[in-house]
């Protein structure tokens, strides 16, 4: 789930992780692909960022977390906004 913030170059991104296995996930990373969108809906580019997975996630458990994802202010001129559309999770 995404939610706008008061800065056009940031948004709050909420993810829920579900471990359907029997063993705990002890570490990992979450990579965001944040798209810069123009006033007419044109995708001007993607900026990647990475954070640590909120571990541990025990077997059979769910864990949610919200991150404020931002790109550099200069990348988002007035009239444009961002959308974090891509998420890649890697765990150990």
PDB file of N, CA and C in Angstrom:
ATOM      1  N   UNK A   1       0.849  -1.166   0.000  1.00  0.00           N
ATOM      2  CA  UNK A   1       0.000   0.000   0.000  1.00  0.00           C
ATOM      3  C   UNK A   1       0.899   1.235   0.000  1.00  0.00           C
ATOM      4  N   UNK A   2       0.499   2.217  -0.791  1.00  0.00           N
ATOM      5  CA  UNK A   2       1.245   3.463  -0.877  1.00  0.00           C
ATOM      6  C   UNK A   2       0.381   4.609  -0.378  1.00  0.00           C
ATOM      7  N   UNK A   3       1.021   5.608   0.222  1.00  0.00           N
ATOM      8  CA  UNK A   3       0.306   6.804   0.673  1.00  0.00           C
ATOM      9  C   UNK A   3       1.207   8.016   0.460  1.00  0.00           C
ATOM     10  N   UNK A   4       0.622   9.084  -0.046  1.00  0.00           N
ATOM     11  CA  UNK A   4       1.374  10.318  -0.288  1.00  0.00           C
ATOM     12  C   UNK A   4       1.807  10.944   1.034  1.00  0.00           C
ATOM     13  N   UNK A   5       2.899  11.686   0.986  1.00  0.00           N
ATOM     14  CA  UNK A   5       3.340  12.484   2.126  1.00  0.00           C
ATOM     15  C   UNK A   5       3.210  13.954   1.738  1.00  0.00           C
ATOM     16  N   UNK A   6       3.629  14.841   2.617  1.00  0.00           N
ATOM     17  CA  UNK A   6       3.536  16.269   2.313  1.00  0.00           C
ATOM     18  C   UNK A   6       4.673  16.749   1.400  1.00  0.00           C
ATOM     19  N   UNK A   7       5.583  15.851   1.019  1.00  0.00           N
ATOM     20  CA  UNK A   7       6.658  16.179   0.085  1.00  0.00           C
ATOM     21  C   UNK A   7       6.466  15.339  -1.177  1.00  0.00           C
ATOM     22  N   UNK A   8       6.436  15.965  -2.326  1.00  0.00           N
ATOM     23  CA  UNK A   8       6.132  15.248  -3.574  1.00  0.00           C
ATOM     24  C   UNK A   8       7.189  14.207  -3.933  1.00  0.00           C
ATOM     25  N   UNK A   9       8.369  14.286  -3.351  1.00  0.00           N
ATOM     26  CA  UNK A   9       9.448  13.348  -3.657  1.00  0.00           C
ATOM     27  C   UNK A   9       9.518  12.186  -2.660  1.00  0.00           C
ATOM     28  N   UNK A  10       8.514  12.069  -1.776  1.00  0.00           N
ATOM     29  CA  UNK A  10       8.457  10.975  -0.796  1.00  0.00           C
ATOM     30  C   UNK A  10       7.064  10.366  -0.769  1.00  0.00           C
ATOM     31  N   UNK A  11       6.983   9.105  -0.363  1.00  0.00           N
ATOM     32  CA  UNK A  11       5.700   8.464  -0.087  1.00  0.00           C
ATOM     33  C   UNK A  11       5.922   7.363   0.939  1.00  0.00           C
ATOM     34  N   UNK A  12       4.861   7.037   1.670  1.00  0.00           N
ATOM     35  CA  UNK A  12       4.909   5.945   2.637  1.00  0.00           C
ATOM     36  C   UNK A  12       4.484   4.662   1.935  1.00  0.00           C
ATOM     37  N   UNK A  13       5.296   3.622   2.091  1.00  0.00           N
ATOM     38  CA  UNK A  13       5.029   2.324   1.472  1.00  0.00           C
ATOM     39  C   UNK A  13       4.904   1.293   2.586  1.00  0.00           C
ATOM     40  N   UNK A  14       3.750   0.613   2.635  1.00  0.00           N
ATOM     41  CA  UNK A  14       3.497  -0.407   3.650  1.00  0.00           C
ATOM     42  C   UNK A  14       3.475  -1.780   2.996  1.00  0.00           C
ATOM     43  N   UNK A  15       4.237  -2.698   3.563  1.00  0.00           N
ATOM     44  CA  UNK A  15       4.287  -4.077   3.087  1.00  0.00           C
ATOM     45  C   UNK A  15       4.005  -5.022   4.244  1.00  0.00           C
ATOM     46  N   UNK A  16       3.383  -6.153   3.942  1.00  0.00           N
ATOM     47  CA  UNK A  16       3.184  -7.217   4.921  1.00  0.00           C
ATOM     48  C   UNK A  16       3.901  -8.449   4.386  1.00  0.00           C
ATOM     49  N   UNK A  17       4.792  -8.995   5.193  1.00  0.00           N
ATOM     50  CA  UNK A  17       5.550 -10.183   4.826  1.00  0.00           C
ATOM     51  C   UNK A  17       4.937 -11.383   5.528  1.00  0.00           C
ATOM     52  N   UNK A  18       4.743 -12.464   4.784  1.00  0.00           N
ATOM     53  CA  UNK A  18       4.185 -13.693   5.358  1.00  0.00           C
ATOM     54  C   UNK A  18       5.170 -14.820   5.105  1.00  0.00           C
ATOM     55  N   UNK A  19       5.612 -15.447   6.174  1.00  0.00           N
ATOM     56  CA  UNK A  19       6.518 -16.584   6.073  1.00  0.00           C
ATOM     57  C   UNK A  19       5.671 -17.847   6.114  1.00  0.00           C
ATOM     58  N   UNK A  20       5.475 -18.480   4.973  1.00  0.00           N
ATOM     59  CA  UNK A  20       4.639 -19.682   4.907  1.00  0.00           C
ATOM     60  C   UNK A  20       5.433 -20.948   5.202  1.00  0.00           C
ATOM     61  N   UNK A  21       6.730 -20.810   5.415  1.00  0.00           N
ATOM     62  CA  UNK A  21       7.570 -21.968   5.718  1.00  0.00           C
ATOM     63  C   UNK A  21       7.595 -22.279   7.202  1.00  0.00           C
ATOM     64  N   UNK A  22       8.371 -23.284   7.552  1.00  0.00           N
ATOM     65  CA  UNK A  22       8.463 -23.707   8.940  1.00  0.00           C
ATOM     66  C   UNK A  22       9.612 -23.091   9.702  1.00  0.00           C
ATOM     67  N   UNK A  23      10.603 -22.542   8.990  1.00  0.00           N
ATOM     68  CA  UNK A  23      11.773 -21.952   9.640  1.00  0.00           C
ATOM     69  C   UNK A  23      11.694 -20.430   9.573  1.00  0.00           C
ATOM     70  N   UNK A  24      12.297 -19.796  10.561  1.00  0.00           N
ATOM     71  CA  UNK A  24      12.296 -18.332  10.623  1.00  0.00           C
ATOM     72  C   UNK A  24      13.193 -17.738   9.542  1.00  0.00           C
ATOM     73  N   UNK A  25      12.779 -16.604   9.012  1.00  0.00           N
ATOM     74  CA  UNK A  25      13.630 -15.806   8.131  1.00  0.00           C
ATOM     75  C   UNK A  25      14.412 -14.873   9.042  1.00  0.00           C
ATOM     76  N   UNK A  26      15.721 -14.961   8.995  1.00  0.00           N
ATOM     77  CA  UNK A  26      16.576 -14.224   9.935  1.00  0.00           C
ATOM     78  C   UNK A  26      17.121 -12.907   9.388  1.00  0.00           C
ATOM     79  N   UNK A  27      17.216 -12.782   8.070  1.00  0.00           N
ATOM     80  CA  UNK A  27      17.746 -11.540   7.497  1.00  0.00           C
ATOM     81  C   UNK A  27      17.337 -11.451   6.034  1.00  0.00           C
ATOM     82  N   UNK A  28      17.543 -10.286   5.467  1.00  0.00           N
ATOM     83  CA  UNK A  28      17.231 -10.091   4.058  1.00  0.00           C
ATOM     84  C   UNK A  28      17.164  -8.618   3.717  1.00  0.00           C
ATOM     85  N   UNK A  29      16.813  -8.350   2.462  1.00  0.00           N
ATOM     86  CA  UNK A  29      16.705  -6.976   1.993  1.00  0.00           C
ATOM     87  C   UNK A  29      15.409  -6.784   1.216  1.00  0.00           C
ATOM     88  N   UNK A  30      14.947  -5.548   1.221  1.00  0.00           N
ATOM     89  CA  UNK A  30      13.786  -5.136   0.442  1.00  0.00           C
ATOM     90  C   UNK A  30      14.275  -4.037  -0.496  1.00  0.00           C
ATOM     91  N   UNK A  31      14.074  -4.226  -1.799  1.00  0.00           N
ATOM     92  CA  UNK A  31      14.493  -3.228  -2.786  1.00  0.00           C
ATOM     93  C   UNK A  31      13.243  -2.595  -3.396  1.00  0.00           C
ATOM     94  N   UNK A  32      13.213  -1.270  -3.385  1.00  0.00           N
ATOM     95  CA  UNK A  32      12.099  -0.507  -3.949  1.00  0.00           C
ATOM     96  C   UNK A  32      12.509   0.092  -5.290  1.00  0.00           C
ATOM     97  N   UNK A  33      11.608   0.046  -6.254  1.00  0.00           N
ATOM     98  CA  UNK A  33      11.780   0.742  -7.526  1.00  0.00           C
ATOM     99  C   UNK A  33      10.762   1.865  -7.574  1.00  0.00           C
ATOM    100  N   UNK A  34      11.228   3.090  -7.392  1.00  0.00           N
ATOM    101  CA  UNK A  34      10.347   4.254  -7.308  1.00  0.00           C
ATOM    102  C   UNK A  34      10.382   5.004  -8.634  1.00  0.00           C
ATOM    103  N   UNK A  35       9.217   5.147  -9.248  1.00  0.00           N
ATOM    104  CA  UNK A  35       9.098   5.773 -10.564  1.00  0.00           C
ATOM    105  C   UNK A  35       8.766   7.259 -10.415  1.00  0.00           C
ATOM    106  N   UNK A  36       9.418   8.084 -11.215  1.00  0.00           N
ATOM    107  CA  UNK A  36       9.133   9.519 -11.263  1.00  0.00           C
ATOM    108  C   UNK A  36       8.128   9.720 -12.394  1.00  0.00           C
ATOM    109  N   UNK A  37       6.949  10.243 -12.047  1.00  0.00           N
ATOM    110  CA  UNK A  37       5.835  10.350 -12.982  1.00  0.00           C
ATOM    111  C   UNK A  37       5.557  11.821 -13.293  1.00  0.00           C
ATOM    112  N   UNK A  38       5.487  12.138 -14.588  1.00  0.00           N
ATOM    113  CA  UNK A  38       5.211  13.501 -15.026  1.00  0.00           C
ATOM    114  C   UNK A  38       3.740  13.855 -14.927  1.00  0.00           C
ATOM    115  N   UNK A  39       3.432  15.121 -15.162  1.00  0.00           N
ATOM    116  CA  UNK A  39       2.063  15.634 -15.035  1.00  0.00           C
ATOM    117  C   UNK A  39       1.088  14.938 -15.981  1.00  0.00           C
ATOM    118  N   UNK A  40       1.570  14.455 -17.125  1.00  0.00           N
ATOM    119  CA  UNK A  40       0.704  13.776 -18.092  1.00  0.00           C
ATOM    120  C   UNK A  40       0.751  12.256 -17.943  1.00  0.00           C
ATOM    121  N   UNK A  41       1.367  11.772 -16.865  1.00  0.00           N
ATOM    122  CA  UNK A  41       1.418  10.336 -16.615  1.00  0.00           C
ATOM    123  C   UNK A  41       2.602   9.618 -17.226  1.00  0.00           C
ATOM    124  N   UNK A  42       3.535  10.361 -17.815  1.00  0.00           N
ATOM    125  CA  UNK A  42       4.716   9.751 -18.426  1.00  0.00           C
ATOM    126  C   UNK A  42       5.695   9.332 -17.330  1.00  0.00           C
ATOM    127  N   UNK A  43       6.205   8.108 -17.427  1.00  0.00           N
ATOM    128  CA  UNK A  43       7.200   7.591 -16.484  1.00  0.00           C
ATOM    129  C   UNK A  43       8.575   8.078 -16.941  1.00  0.00           C
ATOM    130  N   UNK A  44       9.172   8.987 -16.174  1.00  0.00           N
ATOM    131  CA  UNK A  44      10.432   9.614 -16.561  1.00  0.00           C
ATOM    132  C   UNK A  44      11.650   8.840 -16.097  1.00  0.00           C
ATOM    133  N   UNK A  45      11.473   7.860 -15.238  1.00  0.00           N
ATOM    134  CA  UNK A  45      12.626   7.087 -14.778  1.00  0.00           C
ATOM    135  C   UNK A  45      12.328   6.395 -13.465  1.00  0.00           C
ATOM    136  N   UNK A  46      13.231   5.495 -13.102  1.00  0.00           N
ATOM    137  CA  UNK A  46      13.081   4.709 -11.880  1.00  0.00           C
ATOM    138  C   UNK A  46      14.327   4.873 -11.030  1.00  0.00           C
ATOM    139  N   UNK A  47      14.119   5.082  -9.732  1.00  0.00           N
ATOM    140  CA  UNK A  47      15.210   5.204  -8.773  1.00  0.00           C
ATOM    141  C   UNK A  47      15.078   4.038  -7.797  1.00  0.00           C
ATOM    142  N   UNK A  48      16.157   3.284  -7.612  1.00  0.00           N
ATOM    143  CA  UNK A  48      16.126   2.145  -6.692  1.00  0.00           C
ATOM    144  C   UNK A  48      16.691   2.536  -5.340  1.00  0.00           C
ATOM    145  N   UNK A  49      16.121   1.922  -4.304  1.00  0.00           N
ATOM    146  CA  UNK A  49      16.637   2.068  -2.948  1.00  0.00           C
ATOM    147  C   UNK A  49      16.474   0.731  -2.245  1.00  0.00           C
ATOM    148  N   UNK A  50      17.200   0.537  -1.156  1.00  0.00           N
ATOM    149  CA  UNK A  50      17.205  -0.749  -0.476  1.00  0.00           C
ATOM    150  C   UNK A  50      17.213  -0.541   1.032  1.00  0.00           C
ATOM    151  N   UNK A  51      16.443  -1.381   1.738  1.00  0.00           N
ATOM    152  CA  UNK A  51      16.396  -1.371   3.199  1.00  0.00           C
ATOM    153  C   UNK A  51      16.501  -2.813   3.689  1.00  0.00           C
ATOM    154  N   UNK A  52      16.758  -2.970   4.980  1.00  0.00           N
ATOM    155  CA  UNK A  52      16.819  -4.310   5.559  1.00  0.00           C
ATOM    156  C   UNK A  52      15.416  -4.849   5.796  1.00  0.00           C
ATOM    157  N   UNK A  53      15.255  -6.149   5.595  1.00  0.00           N
ATOM    158  CA  UNK A  53      14.001  -6.833   5.888  1.00  0.00           C
ATOM    159  C   UNK A  53      13.756  -6.774   7.392  1.00  0.00           C
ATOM    160  N   UNK A  54      12.506  -6.524   7.825  1.00  0.00           N
ATOM    161  CA  UNK A  54      12.232  -6.495   9.269  1.00  0.00           C
ATOM    162  C   UNK A  54      12.239  -7.917   9.832  1.00  0.00           C
ATOM    163  N   UNK A  55      13.419  -8.411  10.111  1.00  0.00           N
ATOM    164  CA  UNK A  55      13.592  -9.792  10.580  1.00  0.00           C
ATOM    165  C   UNK A  55      13.797  -9.804  12.089  1.00  0.00           C
ATOM    166  N   UNK A  56      13.531 -10.919  12.729  1.00  0.00           N
ATOM    167  CA  UNK A  56      13.114 -12.197  12.151  1.00  0.00           C
ATOM    168  C   UNK A  56      11.609 -12.236  11.878  1.00  0.00           C
ATOM    169  N   UNK A  57      11.260 -13.081  10.899  1.00  0.00           N
ATOM    170  CA  UNK A  57       9.860 -13.400  10.630  1.00  0.00           C
ATOM    171  C   UNK A  57       9.741 -14.899  10.884  1.00  0.00           C
ATOM    172  N   UNK A  58       9.107 -15.249  11.977  1.00  0.00           N
ATOM    173  CA  UNK A  58       8.999 -16.657  12.373  1.00  0.00           C
ATOM    174  C   UNK A  58       8.168 -17.444  11.365  1.00  0.00           C
ATOM    175  N   UNK A  59       8.403 -18.750  11.301  1.00  0.00           N
ATOM    176  CA  UNK A  59       7.642 -19.621  10.416  1.00  0.00           C
ATOM    177  C   UNK A  59       6.151 -19.517  10.698  1.00  0.00           C
ATOM    178  N   UNK A  60       5.343 -19.335   9.664  1.00  0.00           N
ATOM    179  CA  UNK A  60       3.895 -19.214   9.809  1.00  0.00           C
ATOM    180  C   UNK A  60       3.415 -17.845  10.263  1.00  0.00           C
ATOM    181  N   UNK A  61       4.335 -16.906  10.457  1.00  0.00           N
ATOM    182  CA  UNK A  61       3.967 -15.581  10.984  1.00  0.00           C
ATOM    183  C   UNK A  61       3.892 -14.541   9.870  1.00  0.00           C
ATOM    184  N   UNK A  62       3.270 -13.416  10.213  1.00  0.00           N
ATOM    185  CA  UNK A  62       3.197 -12.239   9.334  1.00  0.00           C
ATOM    186  C   UNK A  62       3.824 -11.071  10.069  1.00  0.00           C
ATOM    187  N   UNK A  63       4.468 -10.209   9.310  1.00  0.00           N
ATOM    188  CA  UNK A  63       5.059  -9.008   9.901  1.00  0.00           C
ATOM    189  C   UNK A  63       4.906  -7.868   8.911  1.00  0.00           C
ATOM    190  N   UNK A  64       4.343  -6.759   9.373  1.00  0.00           N
ATOM    191  CA  UNK A  64       4.145  -5.588   8.534  1.00  0.00           C
ATOM    192  C   UNK A  64       5.099  -4.478   8.913  1.00  0.00           C
ATOM    193  N   UNK A  65       5.343  -3.593   7.957  1.00  0.00           N
ATOM    194  CA  UNK A  65       6.223  -2.460   8.210  1.00  0.00           C
ATOM    195  C   UNK A  65       5.927  -1.373   7.196  1.00  0.00           C
ATOM    196  N   UNK A  66       6.069  -0.121   7.622  1.00  0.00           N
ATOM    197  CA  UNK A  66       5.908   1.029   6.733  1.00  0.00           C
ATOM    198  C   UNK A  66       7.235   1.774   6.650  1.00  0.00           C
ATOM    199  N   UNK A  67       7.636   2.087   5.430  1.00  0.00           N
ATOM    200  CA  UNK A  67       8.834   2.883   5.183  1.00  0.00           C
ATOM    201  C   UNK A  67       8.444   4.163   4.463  1.00  0.00           C
ATOM    202  N   UNK A  68       9.143   5.243   4.762  1.00  0.00           N
ATOM    203  CA  UNK A  68       9.026   6.456   3.964  1.00  0.00           C
ATOM    204  C   UNK A  68      10.112   6.371   2.900  1.00  0.00           C
ATOM    205  N   UNK A  69       9.683   6.233   1.645  1.00  0.00           N
ATOM    206  CA  UNK A  69      10.602   6.082   0.518  1.00  0.00           C
ATOM    207  C   UNK A  69      10.695   7.436  -0.183  1.00  0.00           C
ATOM    208  N   UNK A  70      11.926   7.926  -0.354  1.00  0.00           N
ATOM    209  CA  UNK A  70      12.143   9.235  -0.973  1.00  0.00           C
ATOM    210  C   UNK A  70      13.179   9.128  -2.086  1.00  0.00           C
ATOM    211  N   UNK A  71      13.085  10.030  -3.036  1.00  0.00           N
ATOM    212  CA  UNK A  71      14.136  10.241  -4.028  1.00  0.00           C
ATOM    213  C   UNK A  71      14.633  11.672  -3.828  1.00  0.00           C
ATOM    214  N   UNK A  72      15.716  12.018  -4.500  1.00  0.00           N
ATOM    215  CA  UNK A  72      16.231  13.376  -4.368  1.00  0.00           C
ATOM    216  C   UNK A  72      15.188  14.373  -4.871  1.00  0.00           C
ATOM    217  N   UNK A  73      15.044  15.466  -4.142  1.00  0.00           N
ATOM    218  CA  UNK A  73      14.028  16.477  -4.463  1.00  0.00           C
ATOM    219  C   UNK A  73      14.144  16.976  -5.904  1.00  0.00           C
ATOM    220  N   UNK A  74      15.347  17.175  -6.395  1.00  0.00           N
ATOM    221  CA  UNK A  74      15.544  17.726  -7.741  1.00  0.00           C
ATOM    222  C   UNK A  74      15.015  16.802  -8.839  1.00  0.00           C
ATOM    223  N   UNK A  75      14.818  15.518  -8.528  1.00  0.00           N
ATOM    224  CA  UNK A  75      14.311  14.571  -9.527  1.00  0.00           C
ATOM    225  C   UNK A  75      12.807  14.718  -9.776  1.00  0.00           C
ATOM    226  N   UNK A  76      12.113  15.459  -8.884  1.00  0.00           N
ATOM    227  CA  UNK A  76      10.649  15.542  -8.950  1.00  0.00           C
ATOM    228  C   UNK A  76      10.230  17.014  -9.008  1.00  0.00           C
ATOM    229  N   UNK A  77      10.311  17.649 -10.180  1.00  0.00           N
ATOM    230  CA  UNK A  77       9.912  19.055 -10.304  1.00  0.00           C
ATOM    231  C   UNK A  77       8.430  19.246  -9.974  1.00  0.00           C
ATOM    232  N   UNK A  78       8.041  20.499  -9.754  1.00  0.00           N
ATOM    233  CA  UNK A  78       6.632  20.807  -9.499  1.00  0.00           C
ATOM    234  C   UNK A  78       5.756  20.214 -10.595  1.00  0.00           C
ATOM    235  N   UNK A  79       4.627  19.653 -10.209  1.00  0.00           N
ATOM    236  CA  UNK A  79       3.707  19.030 -11.153  1.00  0.00           C
ATOM    237  C   UNK A  79       3.955  17.545 -11.358  1.00  0.00           C
ATOM    238  N   UNK A  80       5.071  17.038 -10.838  1.00  0.00           N
ATOM    239  CA  UNK A  80       5.383  15.620 -10.959  1.00  0.00           C
ATOM    240  C   UNK A  80       5.214  14.954  -9.593  1.00  0.00           C
ATOM    241  N   UNK A  81       5.219  13.625  -9.572  1.00  0.00           N
ATOM    242  CA  UNK A  81       5.111  12.887  -8.315  1.00  0.00           C
ATOM    243  C   UNK A  81       5.848  11.560  -8.462  1.00  0.00           C
ATOM    244  N   UNK A  82       5.922  10.803  -7.368  1.00  0.00           N
ATOM    245  CA  UNK A  82       6.559   9.489  -7.423  1.00  0.00           C
ATOM    246  C   UNK A  82       5.540   8.402  -7.129  1.00  0.00           C
ATOM    247  N   UNK A  83       5.836   7.205  -7.620  1.00  0.00           N
ATOM    248  CA  UNK A  83       5.047   6.008  -7.330  1.00  0.00           C
ATOM    249  C   UNK A  83       6.016   4.846  -7.163  1.00  0.00           C
ATOM    250  N   UNK A  84       6.024   4.248  -5.983  1.00  0.00           N
ATOM    251  CA  UNK A  84       6.852   3.068  -5.760  1.00  0.00           C
ATOM    252  C   UNK A  84       6.059   1.868  -6.252  1.00  0.00           C
ATOM    253  N   UNK A  85       6.422   1.382  -7.432  1.00  0.00           N
ATOM    254  CA  UNK A  85       5.663   0.328  -8.107  1.00  0.00           C
ATOM    255  C   UNK A  85       6.331  -1.036  -8.010  1.00  0.00           C
ATOM    256  N   UNK A  86       7.627  -1.065  -7.823  1.00  0.00           N
ATOM    257  CA  UNK A  86       8.369  -2.323  -7.853  1.00  0.00           C
ATOM    258  C   UNK A  86       8.951  -2.628  -6.478  1.00  0.00           C
ATOM    259  N   UNK A  87       8.782  -3.872  -6.040  1.00  0.00           N
ATOM    260  CA  UNK A  87       9.354  -4.320  -4.772  1.00  0.00           C
ATOM    261  C   UNK A  87       9.969  -5.691  -5.000  1.00  0.00           C
ATOM    262  N   UNK A  88      11.201  -5.863  -4.552  1.00  0.00           N
ATOM    263  CA  UNK A  88      11.898  -7.140  -4.651  1.00  0.00           C
ATOM    264  C   UNK A  88      12.409  -7.489  -3.259  1.00  0.00           C
ATOM    265  N   UNK A  89      12.104  -8.700  -2.790  1.00  0.00           N
ATOM    266  CA  UNK A  89      12.508  -9.127  -1.449  1.00  0.00           C
ATOM    267  C   UNK A  89      13.445 -10.320  -1.577  1.00  0.00           C
ATOM    268  N   UNK A  90      14.551 -10.251  -0.870  1.00  0.00           N
ATOM    269  CA  UNK A  90      15.491 -11.379  -0.798  1.00  0.00           C
ATOM    270  C   UNK A  90      15.727 -11.676   0.673  1.00  0.00           C
ATOM    271  N   UNK A  91      15.631 -12.950   1.035  1.00  0.00           N
ATOM    272  CA  UNK A  91      15.759 -13.328   2.441  1.00  0.00           C
ATOM    273  C   UNK A  91      16.693 -14.511   2.602  1.00  0.00           C
ATOM    274  N   UNK A  92      17.125 -14.685   3.856  1.00  0.00           N
ATOM    275  CA  UNK A  92      18.000 -15.813   4.219  1.00  0.00           C
ATOM    276  C   UNK A  92      17.426 -16.522   5.424  1.00  0.00           C
TER     277      UNK A  92
END
